[in-house]
């Protein structure tokens, strides 16, 4: 009889623990949260299937009156991946997935480090990748007052007369929406 009395509290404790653990596994901050997350994953998968992508190189250009950029990153359109890491002047080979054809609404986050007095100074801005006919190297153009533009161009260098943004430009072209 004494043994049965000891088993009852233990059994109740075990049942209570199981209910508590199972309740945590289906927690939603708001109704339908898990379903929304599932839809987002499916939509991203479908988008990736529908839009042919191309791996392109990346390059950073500092325009006049711009401080040295120690490192930069840019978010890929239709993805959460940030690519980059190099400093301005170098080429990052094949590190960025870009749609073969320009798509409206390709707004991306650009993040760069321009230290001040030896301390990291990270700056983050959003911009839209400028329209392009043919995907090529992805150029991140930095202008004074922390303005940034992103363009894809099949021309080897920004010094080419056919490059969308001239290397010696002082002000950025208008933002594309």
Protein backbone atom coordinates (compact mmCIF):
# COMPACT_ATOMS: atom_id res chain seq x y z
CA UNK A 1 0.00 0.00 0.00
CA UNK A 2 2.83 2.36 0.86
CA UNK A 3 4.40 1.68 -2.52
CA UNK A 4 1.20 2.60 -4.42
CA UNK A 5 0.99 5.97 -2.63
CA UNK A 6 4.53 6.82 -3.81
CA UNK A 7 3.71 5.87 -7.41
CA UNK A 8 0.71 8.17 -7.73
CA UNK A 9 2.59 11.50 -7.26
CA UNK A 10 5.34 10.29 -9.59
CA UNK A 11 2.83 9.28 -12.27
CA UNK A 12 1.01 12.61 -11.97
CA UNK A 13 4.32 14.48 -12.22
CA UNK A 14 5.26 12.51 -15.34
CA UNK A 15 1.88 13.19 -17.01
CA UNK A 16 2.11 16.91 -16.16
CA UNK A 17 5.65 17.06 -17.61
CA UNK A 18 4.56 15.37 -20.86
CA UNK A 19 1.67 17.83 -21.31
CA UNK A 20 3.97 20.77 -20.64
CA UNK A 21 6.56 19.59 -23.17
CA UNK A 22 3.98 18.82 -25.86
CA UNK A 23 2.36 22.25 -25.40
CA UNK A 24 5.71 23.95 -26.06
CA UNK A 25 6.26 22.17 -29.35
CA UNK A 26 3.22 23.72 -31.00
CA UNK A 27 3.64 27.23 -29.58
CA UNK A 28 2.59 30.09 -31.84
CA UNK A 29 2.97 33.75 -30.89
CA UNK A 30 -0.14 34.44 -32.91
CA UNK A 31 -2.70 32.09 -34.54
CA UNK A 32 -1.49 30.74 -37.88
CA UNK A 33 2.19 31.64 -37.35
CA UNK A 34 3.46 28.16 -38.21
CA UNK A 35 1.26 28.03 -41.32
CA UNK A 36 2.58 31.43 -42.50
CA UNK A 37 6.18 30.26 -42.06
CA UNK A 38 5.39 27.13 -44.09
CA UNK A 39 3.85 29.24 -46.90
CA UNK A 40 6.96 31.47 -46.99
CA UNK A 41 9.24 28.45 -47.40
CA UNK A 42 7.04 27.06 -50.20
CA UNK A 43 6.89 30.46 -51.95
CA UNK A 44 10.68 30.83 -51.81
CA UNK A 45 11.12 27.33 -53.25
CA UNK A 46 8.66 28.06 -56.08
CA UNK A 47 10.29 31.41 -56.83
CA UNK A 48 13.70 29.77 -57.07
CA UNK A 49 12.33 27.22 -59.55
CA UNK A 50 10.68 29.87 -61.72
CA UNK A 51 13.54 32.39 -61.91
CA UNK A 52 16.73 31.12 -63.58
CA UNK A 53 19.74 32.30 -61.57
CA UNK A 54 23.36 32.89 -62.53
CA UNK A 55 26.44 32.98 -60.28
CA UNK A 56 28.24 36.29 -60.88
CA UNK A 57 31.33 38.01 -59.51
CA UNK A 58 31.06 41.08 -57.29
CA UNK A 59 33.07 44.28 -57.22
CA UNK A 60 32.93 47.43 -55.12
CA UNK A 61 33.57 50.94 -56.47
CA UNK A 62 34.29 53.97 -54.27
CA UNK A 63 33.32 57.21 -55.96
CA UNK A 64 34.98 60.59 -55.25
CA UNK A 65 34.69 61.94 -51.68
CA UNK A 66 34.04 58.47 -50.25
CA UNK A 67 36.13 56.96 -47.44
CA UNK A 68 37.78 53.55 -47.88
CA UNK A 69 35.41 50.57 -47.56
CA UNK A 70 37.11 47.78 -45.57
CA UNK A 71 34.47 45.15 -46.26
CA UNK A 72 30.98 44.94 -47.69
CA UNK A 73 28.12 42.46 -47.99
CA UNK A 74 25.00 42.43 -50.10
CA UNK A 75 21.85 40.35 -49.64
CA UNK A 76 20.83 38.20 -52.58
CA UNK A 77 17.41 38.96 -54.07
CA UNK A 78 14.80 36.31 -53.20
CA UNK A 79 17.13 34.87 -50.51
CA UNK A 80 18.33 35.70 -47.01
CA UNK A 81 21.97 34.95 -47.89
CA UNK A 82 24.49 37.79 -47.60
CA UNK A 83 27.45 37.56 -50.00
CA UNK A 84 30.66 39.54 -50.13
CA UNK A 85 33.32 40.15 -47.54
CA UNK A 86 35.97 41.74 -49.71
CA UNK A 87 37.24 45.29 -49.64
CA UNK A 88 36.77 47.78 -52.45
CA UNK A 89 39.07 47.31 -55.40
CA UNK A 90 39.06 43.51 -55.34
CA UNK A 91 36.86 41.10 -57.24
CA UNK A 92 34.89 38.39 -55.45
CA UNK A 93 34.66 35.61 -58.04
CA UNK A 94 31.29 33.88 -58.60
CA UNK A 95 29.96 34.63 -55.14
CA UNK A 96 26.51 36.05 -55.89
CA UNK A 97 23.32 34.48 -57.27
CA UNK A 98 21.55 36.92 -59.57
CA UNK A 99 18.50 36.36 -61.81
CA UNK A 100 19.54 36.06 -65.47
CA UNK A 101 16.88 38.64 -66.33
CA UNK A 102 16.17 41.71 -64.23
CA UNK A 103 13.05 41.39 -62.07
CA UNK A 104 11.03 44.33 -60.69
CA UNK A 105 11.36 44.89 -56.96
CA UNK A 106 14.86 43.47 -56.46
CA UNK A 107 15.45 45.52 -53.32
CA UNK A 108 18.57 44.39 -51.48
CA UNK A 109 20.33 45.22 -48.23
CA UNK A 110 23.92 46.47 -48.54
CA UNK A 111 26.10 46.44 -45.42
CA UNK A 112 29.61 47.88 -45.29
CA UNK A 113 32.35 48.69 -42.78
CA UNK A 114 34.08 52.04 -42.83
CA UNK A 115 36.02 52.24 -39.53
CA UNK A 116 36.32 55.58 -37.75
CA UNK A 117 39.44 56.08 -35.59
CA UNK A 118 40.13 52.34 -35.62
CA UNK A 119 36.63 51.29 -34.49
CA UNK A 120 34.29 49.38 -36.78
CA UNK A 121 31.53 51.53 -38.21
CA UNK A 122 28.94 49.33 -39.95
CA UNK A 123 26.47 51.08 -42.23
CA UNK A 124 23.38 49.40 -43.65
CA UNK A 125 21.18 50.68 -46.48
CA UNK A 126 18.53 49.27 -48.80
CA UNK A 127 18.59 49.88 -52.54
CA UNK A 128 17.08 48.33 -55.65
CA UNK A 129 19.32 46.61 -58.17
CA UNK A 130 19.19 48.81 -61.26
CA UNK A 131 17.57 47.28 -64.38
CA UNK A 132 19.87 45.29 -66.66
CA UNK A 133 19.47 43.52 -70.00
CA UNK A 134 22.12 40.85 -69.43
CA UNK A 135 23.47 39.70 -66.07
CA UNK A 136 27.16 40.23 -65.47
CA UNK A 137 29.48 41.27 -62.66
CA UNK A 138 27.57 42.84 -59.78
CA UNK A 139 28.96 46.30 -58.98
CA UNK A 140 28.27 47.98 -55.65
CA UNK A 141 28.84 51.73 -56.07
CA UNK A 142 29.49 53.79 -52.93
CA UNK A 143 28.93 57.55 -53.01
CA UNK A 144 29.41 60.30 -50.43
CA UNK A 145 26.84 60.68 -47.64
CA UNK A 146 26.47 56.89 -47.42
CA UNK A 147 24.56 56.57 -50.68
CA UNK A 148 24.81 53.24 -52.49
CA UNK A 149 23.65 51.83 -55.84
CA UNK A 150 23.90 48.28 -57.17
CA UNK A 151 24.09 47.38 -60.86
CA UNK A 152 24.87 44.27 -62.88
CA UNK A 153 26.90 44.78 -66.04
CA UNK A 154 28.51 42.41 -68.55
CA UNK A 155 31.26 44.99 -69.21
CA UNK A 156 34.57 44.11 -67.59
CA UNK A 157 35.29 47.36 -65.85
CA UNK A 158 33.37 50.39 -64.63
CA UNK A 159 35.77 52.49 -66.75
CA UNK A 160 34.01 51.12 -69.86
CA UNK A 161 31.93 53.82 -71.61
CA UNK A 162 29.04 51.30 -71.66
CA UNK A 163 29.02 50.78 -67.88
CA UNK A 164 25.69 52.05 -66.39
CA UNK A 165 27.39 54.28 -63.76
CA UNK A 166 30.56 56.17 -64.77
CA UNK A 167 33.45 55.62 -62.36
CA UNK A 168 34.00 59.36 -61.91
CA UNK A 169 30.33 60.11 -61.09
CA UNK A 170 30.00 62.26 -57.98
CA UNK A 171 26.28 61.76 -57.40
CA UNK A 172 24.38 58.48 -57.72
CA UNK A 173 21.72 57.95 -60.38
CA UNK A 174 18.11 58.16 -59.13
CA UNK A 175 16.87 55.23 -57.07
CA UNK A 176 14.87 52.66 -59.06
CA UNK A 177 11.70 51.24 -57.51
